[in-house]
Amino acid sequence: VAVGFADGPRAGLALLDAAAQDERLARYQPLHAA
């Protein structure tokens, strides 16, 4: 999220998509809102 605001949404999405590979985040609402 911070990278998305610092370097643009696509940079943040790239990191967020990588983080979303962690199964523990499947039901983590802030990930989906971000």
All heavy atoms as atom14 arrays in JSON, in Angstrom:
{
  "sequence": "VAVGFADGPRAGLALLDAAAQDERLARYQPLHAA",
  "atom14_mask": [
    [1, 1, 1, 1, 1, 1, 1, 0, 0, 0, 0, 0, 0, 0],
    [1, 1, 1, 1, 1, 0, 0, 0, 0, 0, 0, 0, 0, 0],
    [1, 1, 1, 1, 1, 1, 1, 0, 0, 0, 0, 0, 0, 0],
    [1, 1, 1, 1, 0, 0, 0, 0, 0, 0, 0, 0, 0, 0],
    [1, 1, 1, 1, 1, 1, 1, 1, 1, 1, 1, 0, 0, 0],
    [1, 1, 1, 1, 1, 0, 0, 0, 0, 0, 0, 0, 0, 0],
    [1, 1, 1, 1, 1, 1, 1, 1, 0, 0, 0, 0, 0, 0],
    [1, 1, 1, 1, 0, 0, 0, 0, 0, 0, 0, 0, 0, 0],
    [1, 1, 1, 1, 1, 1, 1, 0, 0, 0, 0, 0, 0, 0],
    [1, 1, 1, 1, 1, 1, 1, 1, 1, 1, 1, 0, 0, 0],
    [1, 1, 1, 1, 1, 0, 0, 0, 0, 0, 0, 0, 0, 0],
    [1, 1, 1, 1, 0, 0, 0, 0, 0, 0, 0, 0, 0, 0],
    [1, 1, 1, 1, 1, 1, 1, 1, 0, 0, 0, 0, 0, 0],
    [1, 1, 1, 1, 1, 0, 0, 0, 0, 0, 0, 0, 0, 0],
    [1, 1, 1, 1, 1, 1, 1, 1, 0, 0, 0, 0, 0, 0],
    [1, 1, 1, 1, 1, 1, 1, 1, 0, 0, 0, 0, 0, 0],
    [1, 1, 1, 1, 1, 1, 1, 1, 0, 0, 0, 0, 0, 0],
    [1, 1, 1, 1, 1, 0, 0, 0, 0, 0, 0, 0, 0, 0],
    [1, 1, 1, 1, 1, 0, 0, 0, 0, 0, 0, 0, 0, 0],
    [1, 1, 1, 1, 1, 0, 0, 0, 0, 0, 0, 0, 0, 0],
    [1, 1, 1, 1, 1, 1, 1, 1, 1, 0, 0, 0, 0, 0],
    [1, 1, 1, 1, 1, 1, 1, 1, 0, 0, 0, 0, 0, 0],
    [1, 1, 1, 1, 1, 1, 1, 1, 1, 0, 0, 0, 0, 0],
    [1, 1, 1, 1, 1, 1, 1, 1, 1, 1, 1, 0, 0, 0],
    [1, 1, 1, 1, 1, 1, 1, 1, 0, 0, 0, 0, 0, 0],
    [1, 1, 1, 1, 1, 0, 0, 0, 0, 0, 0, 0, 0, 0],
    [1, 1, 1, 1, 1, 1, 1, 1, 1, 1, 1, 0, 0, 0],
    [1, 1, 1, 1, 1, 1, 1, 1, 1, 1, 1, 1, 0, 0],
    [1, 1, 1, 1, 1, 1, 1, 1, 1, 0, 0, 0, 0, 0],
    [1, 1, 1, 1, 1, 1, 1, 0, 0, 0, 0, 0, 0, 0],
    [1, 1, 1, 1, 1, 1, 1, 1, 0, 0, 0, 0, 0, 0],
    [1, 1, 1, 1, 1, 1, 1, 1, 1, 1, 0, 0, 0, 0],
    [1, 1, 1, 1, 1, 0, 0, 0, 0, 0, 0, 0, 0, 0],
    [1, 1, 1, 1, 1, 0, 0, 0, 0, 0, 0, 0, 0, 0]
  ],
  "atom14_positions": [
    [[0.84, -1.2, 0.0], [0.0, 0.0, 0.0], [0.88, 1.25, 0.0], [0.65, 2.19, -0.78], [-0.96, 0.0, 1.2], [-1.67, 1.33, 1.33], [-1.97, -1.14, 1.06], [0.0, 0.0, 0.0], [0.0, 0.0, 0.0], [0.0, 0.0, 0.0], [0.0, 0.0, 0.0], [0.0, 0.0, 0.0], [0.0, 0.0, 0.0], [0.0, 0.0, 0.0]],
    [[1.89, 1.27, 0.85], [2.77, 2.43, 0.91], [3.48, 2.65, -0.43], [3.59, 3.78, -0.91], [3.79, 2.26, 2.04], [0.0, 0.0, 0.0], [0.0, 0.0, 0.0], [0.0, 0.0, 0.0], [0.0, 0.0, 0.0], [0.0, 0.0, 0.0], [0.0, 0.0, 0.0], [0.0, 0.0, 0.0], [0.0, 0.0, 0.0], [0.0, 0.0, 0.0]],
    [[3.95, 1.58, -1.03], [4.6, 1.68, -2.35], [3.6, 2.18, -3.39], [3.93, 2.99, -4.25], [5.23, 0.34, -2.77], [5.63, 0.33, -4.24], [6.44, 0.03, -1.89], [0.0, 0.0, 0.0], [0.0, 0.0, 0.0], [0.0, 0.0, 0.0], [0.0, 0.0, 0.0], [0.0, 0.0, 0.0], [0.0, 0.0, 0.0], [0.0, 0.0, 0.0]],
    [[2.36, 1.73, -3.27], [1.32, 2.2, -4.19], [1.11, 3.69, -4.12], [0.83, 4.33, -5.14], [0.0, 0.0, 0.0], [0.0, 0.0, 0.0], [0.0, 0.0, 0.0], [0.0, 0.0, 0.0], [0.0, 0.0, 0.0], [0.0, 0.0, 0.0], [0.0, 0.0, 0.0], [0.0, 0.0, 0.0], [0.0, 0.0, 0.0], [0.0, 0.0, 0.0]],
    [[1.25, 4.27, -2.94], [1.11, 5.72, -2.8], [2.42, 6.44, -3.13], [2.39, 7.58, -3.6], [0.63, 6.09, -1.4], [-0.82, 5.79, -1.18], [-1.22, 4.83, -0.28], [-1.81, 6.45, -1.9], [-2.56, 4.53, -0.08], [-3.16, 6.16, -1.72], [-3.52, 5.2, -0.81], [0.0, 0.0, 0.0], [0.0, 0.0, 0.0], [0.0, 0.0, 0.0]],
    [[3.55, 5.79, -2.92], [4.83, 6.43, -3.2], [5.21, 6.36, -4.67], [5.68, 7.34, -5.25], [5.94, 5.77, -2.36], [0.0, 0.0, 0.0], [0.0, 0.0, 0.0], [0.0, 0.0, 0.0], [0.0, 0.0, 0.0], [0.0, 0.0, 0.0], [0.0, 0.0, 0.0], [0.0, 0.0, 0.0], [0.0, 0.0, 0.0], [0.0, 0.0, 0.0]],
    [[5.01, 5.2, -5.28], [5.52, 4.95, -6.63], [4.44, 4.69, -7.66], [4.74, 4.37, -8.81], [6.47, 3.74, -6.61], [7.68, 3.97, -5.71], [8.11, 5.13, -5.56], [8.19, 2.98, -5.16], [0.0, 0.0, 0.0], [0.0, 0.0, 0.0], [0.0, 0.0, 0.0], [0.0, 0.0, 0.0], [0.0, 0.0, 0.0], [0.0, 0.0, 0.0]],
    [[3.19, 4.78, -7.25], [2.09, 4.59, -8.18], [1.38, 3.27, -7.93], [1.96, 2.31, -7.4], [0.0, 0.0, 0.0], [0.0, 0.0, 0.0], [0.0, 0.0, 0.0], [0.0, 0.0, 0.0], [0.0, 0.0, 0.0], [0.0, 0.0, 0.0], [0.0, 0.0, 0.0], [0.0, 0.0, 0.0], [0.0, 0.0, 0.0], [0.0, 0.0, 0.0]],
    [[0.11, 3.22, -8.32], [-0.71, 2.05, -8.01], [-0.21, 0.75, -8.64], [-0.32, -0.31, -8.04], [-2.09, 2.42, -8.52], [-1.88, 3.54, -9.48], [-0.65, 4.25, -9.03], [0.0, 0.0, 0.0], [0.0, 0.0, 0.0], [0.0, 0.0, 0.0], [0.0, 0.0, 0.0], [0.0, 0.0, 0.0], [0.0, 0.0, 0.0], [0.0, 0.0, 0.0]],
    [[0.35, 0.81, -9.81], [0.83, -0.43, -10.44], [2.0, -1.04, -9.67], [2.09, -2.27, -9.56], [1.19, -0.18, -11.89], [-0.04, 0.21, -12.7], [0.15, 0.09, -14.19], [-0.93, 0.74, -14.91], [-2.16, 0.29, -15.02], [-2.5, -0.8, -14.42], [-3.07, 0.94, -15.71], [0.0, 0.0, 0.0], [0.0, 0.0, 0.0], [0.0, 0.0, 0.0]],
    [[2.87, -0.21, -9.14], [3.98, -0.72, -8.32], [3.43, -1.37, -7.05], [3.91, -2.43, -6.63], [4.95, 0.42, -7.97], [0.0, 0.0, 0.0], [0.0, 0.0, 0.0], [0.0, 0.0, 0.0], [0.0, 0.0, 0.0], [0.0, 0.0, 0.0], [0.0, 0.0, 0.0], [0.0, 0.0, 0.0], [0.0, 0.0, 0.0], [0.0, 0.0, 0.0]],
    [[2.44, -0.74, -6.45], [1.82, -1.32, -5.27], [1.09, -2.62, -5.58], [1.17, -3.58, -4.81], [0.0, 0.0, 0.0], [0.0, 0.0, 0.0], [0.0, 0.0, 0.0], [0.0, 0.0, 0.0], [0.0, 0.0, 0.0], [0.0, 0.0, 0.0], [0.0, 0.0, 0.0], [0.0, 0.0, 0.0], [0.0, 0.0, 0.0], [0.0, 0.0, 0.0]],
    [[0.39, -2.65, -6.71], [-0.33, -3.87, -7.1], [0.62, -5.04, -7.32], [0.3, -6.18, -6.98], [-1.16, -3.63, -8.36], [-2.46, -2.87, -8.13], [-3.03, -2.38, -9.47], [-3.48, -3.74, -7.4], [0.0, 0.0, 0.0], [0.0, 0.0, 0.0], [0.0, 0.0, 0.0], [0.0, 0.0, 0.0], [0.0, 0.0, 0.0], [0.0, 0.0, 0.0]],
    [[1.78, -4.77, -7.89], [2.75, -5.85, -8.12], [3.15, -6.49, -6.79], [3.21, -7.72, -6.67], [3.97, -5.32, -8.86], [0.0, 0.0, 0.0], [0.0, 0.0, 0.0], [0.0, 0.0, 0.0], [0.0, 0.0, 0.0], [0.0, 0.0, 0.0], [0.0, 0.0, 0.0], [0.0, 0.0, 0.0], [0.0, 0.0, 0.0], [0.0, 0.0, 0.0]],
    [[3.42, -5.66, -5.79], [3.78, -6.18, -4.47], [2.59, -6.85, -3.8], [2.72, -7.88, -3.13], [4.33, -5.07, -3.58], [5.69, -4.52, -3.98], [6.07, -3.34, -3.09], [6.76, -5.6, -3.92], [0.0, 0.0, 0.0], [0.0, 0.0, 0.0], [0.0, 0.0, 0.0], [0.0, 0.0, 0.0], [0.0, 0.0, 0.0], [0.0, 0.0, 0.0]],
    [[1.42, -6.26, -3.96], [0.21, -6.81, -3.34], [-0.12, -8.18, -3.95], [-0.49, -9.11, -3.23], [-0.95, -5.84, -3.51], [-2.13, -6.02, -2.59], [-1.72, -5.89, -1.13], [-3.2, -5.01, -2.92], [0.0, 0.0, 0.0], [0.0, 0.0, 0.0], [0.0, 0.0, 0.0], [0.0, 0.0, 0.0], [0.0, 0.0, 0.0], [0.0, 0.0, 0.0]],
    [[0.01, -8.31, -5.25], [-0.24, -9.59, -5.9], [0.73, -10.66, -5.4], [0.34, -11.81, -5.21], [-0.16, -9.46, -7.42], [-1.35, -8.7, -8.01], [-2.36, -8.52, -7.29], [-1.25, -8.29, -9.18], [0.0, 0.0, 0.0], [0.0, 0.0, 0.0], [0.0, 0.0, 0.0], [0.0, 0.0, 0.0], [0.0, 0.0, 0.0], [0.0, 0.0, 0.0]],
    [[1.97, -10.27, -5.18], [2.95, -11.22, -4.64], [2.56, -11.63, -3.21], [2.6, -12.81, -2.86], [4.35, -10.61, -4.66], [0.0, 0.0, 0.0], [0.0, 0.0, 0.0], [0.0, 0.0, 0.0], [0.0, 0.0, 0.0], [0.0, 0.0, 0.0], [0.0, 0.0, 0.0], [0.0, 0.0, 0.0], [0.0, 0.0, 0.0], [0.0, 0.0, 0.0]],
    [[2.16, -10.66, -2.4], [1.75, -10.96, -1.02], [0.52, -11.84, -1.0], [0.38, -12.71, -0.13], [1.5, -9.66, -0.26], [0.0, 0.0, 0.0], [0.0, 0.0, 0.0], [0.0, 0.0, 0.0], [0.0, 0.0, 0.0], [0.0, 0.0, 0.0], [0.0, 0.0, 0.0], [0.0, 0.0, 0.0], [0.0, 0.0, 0.0], [0.0, 0.0, 0.0]],
    [[-0.39, -11.65, -1.94], [-1.65, -12.39, -1.97], [-1.44, -13.88, -2.24], [-2.37, -14.67, -2.04], [-2.58, -11.8, -3.02], [0.0, 0.0, 0.0], [0.0, 0.0, 0.0], [0.0, 0.0, 0.0], [0.0, 0.0, 0.0], [0.0, 0.0, 0.0], [0.0, 0.0, 0.0], [0.0, 0.0, 0.0], [0.0, 0.0, 0.0], [0.0, 0.0, 0.0]],
    [[-0.25, -14.26, -2.64], [0.04, -15.68, -2.86], [0.08, -16.45, -1.54], [-0.02, -17.67, -1.53], [1.37, -15.85, -3.61], [1.39, -15.23, -4.99], [0.26, -15.72, -5.87], [0.09, -16.93, -6.03], [-0.52, -14.81, -6.42], [0.0, 0.0, 0.0], [0.0, 0.0, 0.0], [0.0, 0.0, 0.0], [0.0, 0.0, 0.0], [0.0, 0.0, 0.0]],
    [[0.24, -15.73, -0.44], [0.26, -16.35, 0.9], [-1.18, -16.72, 1.28], [-2.04, -15.85, 1.41], [0.85, -15.38, 1.91], [1.11, -16.0, 3.26], [0.25, -16.79, 3.74], [2.16, -15.71, 3.84], [0.0, 0.0, 0.0], [0.0, 0.0, 0.0], [0.0, 0.0, 0.0], [0.0, 0.0, 0.0], [0.0, 0.0, 0.0], [0.0, 0.0, 0.0]],
    [[-1.43, -18.0, 1.45], [-2.78, -18.49, 1.74], [-3.38, -17.88, 3.0], [-4.6, -17.8, 3.13], [-2.77, -20.01, 1.91], [-2.47, -20.76, 0.64], [-2.38, -22.26, 0.87], [-2.63, -22.73, 2.0], [-2.06, -22.97, -0.1], [0.0, 0.0, 0.0], [0.0, 0.0, 0.0], [0.0, 0.0, 0.0], [0.0, 0.0, 0.0], [0.0, 0.0, 0.0]],
    [[-2.52, -17.46, 3.93], [-3.03, -16.87, 5.18], [-3.78, -15.57, 4.94], [-4.53, -15.11, 5.79], [-1.88, -16.63, 6.16], [-1.2, -17.93, 6.61], [0.03, -17.64, 7.44], [1.07, -17.09, 6.57], [2.26, -16.7, 7.0], [2.57, -16.79, 8.28], [3.15, -16.23, 6.15], [0.0, 0.0, 0.0], [0.0, 0.0, 0.0], [0.0, 0.0, 0.0]],
    [[-3.6, -14.97, 3.78], [-4.25, -13.69, 3.47], [-5.55, -13.83, 2.7], [-6.19, -12.82, 2.39], [-3.29, -12.79, 2.69], [-2.06, -12.32, 3.45], [-1.14, -11.53, 2.52], [-2.45, -11.47, 4.65], [0.0, 0.0, 0.0], [0.0, 0.0, 0.0], [0.0, 0.0, 0.0], [0.0, 0.0, 0.0], [0.0, 0.0, 0.0], [0.0, 0.0, 0.0]],
    [[-5.96, -15.03, 2.39], [-7.15, -15.23, 1.56], [-8.38, -14.54, 2.13], [-9.19, -14.0, 1.39], [-7.42, -16.72, 1.38], [0.0, 0.0, 0.0], [0.0, 0.0, 0.0], [0.0, 0.0, 0.0], [0.0, 0.0, 0.0], [0.0, 0.0, 0.0], [0.0, 0.0, 0.0], [0.0, 0.0, 0.0], [0.0, 0.0, 0.0], [0.0, 0.0, 0.0]],
    [[-8.53, -14.52, 3.45], [-9.69, -13.89, 4.09], [-9.29, -12.62, 4.84], [-10.05, -12.14, 5.68], [-10.35, -14.89, 5.03], [-10.91, -16.1, 4.28], [-11.82, -16.97, 5.11], [-12.89, -16.25, 5.78], [-14.03, -15.82, 5.22], [-14.25, -16.04, 3.95], [-14.94, -15.19, 5.92], [0.0, 0.0, 0.0], [0.0, 0.0, 0.0], [0.0, 0.0, 0.0]],
    [[-8.14, -12.06, 4.51], [-7.67, -10.83, 5.17], [-8.28, -9.64, 4.44], [-7.83, -9.22, 3.37], [-6.14, -10.8, 5.15], [-5.54, -9.64, 5.89], [-5.78, -9.43, 7.24], [-4.71, -8.74, 5.23], [-5.22, -8.37, 7.93], [-4.14, -7.67, 5.9], [-4.4, -7.5, 7.24], [-3.84, -6.43, 7.92], [0.0, 0.0, 0.0], [0.0, 0.0, 0.0]],
    [[-9.33, -9.1, 5.0], [-10.11, -8.04, 4.37], [-9.27, -6.85, 3.92], [-9.48, -6.33, 2.82], [-11.26, -7.62, 5.3], [-12.24, -6.65, 4.68], [-11.81, -5.21, 4.82], [-10.9, -4.86, 5.57], [-12.47, -4.36, 4.08], [0.0, 0.0, 0.0], [0.0, 0.0, 0.0], [0.0, 0.0, 0.0], [0.0, 0.0, 0.0], [0.0, 0.0, 0.0]],
    [[-8.31, -6.36, 4.73], [-7.53, -5.21, 4.28], [-6.78, -5.44, 2.97], [-6.6, -4.5, 2.2], [-6.57, -4.95, 5.45], [-7.32, -5.44, 6.65], [-8.03, -6.68, 6.15], [0.0, 0.0, 0.0], [0.0, 0.0, 0.0], [0.0, 0.0, 0.0], [0.0, 0.0, 0.0], [0.0, 0.0, 0.0], [0.0, 0.0, 0.0], [0.0, 0.0, 0.0]],
    [[-6.38, -6.66, 2.7], [-5.72, -6.94, 1.42], [-6.68, -6.65, 0.26], [-6.32, -5.99, -0.7], [-5.26, -8.4, 1.35], [-4.69, -8.79, -0.02], [-3.37, -9.49, 0.15], [-5.66, -9.66, -0.78], [0.0, 0.0, 0.0], [0.0, 0.0, 0.0], [0.0, 0.0, 0.0], [0.0, 0.0, 0.0], [0.0, 0.0, 0.0], [0.0, 0.0, 0.0]],
    [[-7.91, -7.1, 0.38], [-8.88, -6.92, -0.7], [-9.31, -5.45, -0.82], [-9.5, -4.96, -1.94], [-10.07, -7.85, -0.48], [-9.65, -9.28, -0.44], [-9.33, -9.99, -1.57], [-9.44, -10.13, 0.6], [-8.96, -11.21, -1.24], [-9.03, -11.32, 0.08], [0.0, 0.0, 0.0], [0.0, 0.0, 0.0], [0.0, 0.0, 0.0], [0.0, 0.0, 0.0]],
    [[-9.43, -4.78, 0.3], [-9.75, -3.34, 0.26], [-8.6, -2.56, -0.37], [-8.82, -1.65, -1.18], [-10.05, -2.83, 1.67], [0.0, 0.0, 0.0], [0.0, 0.0, 0.0], [0.0, 0.0, 0.0], [0.0, 0.0, 0.0], [0.0, 0.0, 0.0], [0.0, 0.0, 0.0], [0.0, 0.0, 0.0], [0.0, 0.0, 0.0], [0.0, 0.0, 0.0]],
    [[-7.37, -2.92, -0.03], [-6.21, -2.24, -0.61], [-6.13, -2.52, -2.1], [-5.85, -1.61, -2.9], [-4.93, -2.72, 0.08], [0.0, 0.0, 0.0], [0.0, 0.0, 0.0], [0.0, 0.0, 0.0], [0.0, 0.0, 0.0], [0.0, 0.0, 0.0], [0.0, 0.0, 0.0], [0.0, 0.0, 0.0], [0.0, 0.0, 0.0], [0.0, 0.0, 0.0]]
  ]
}
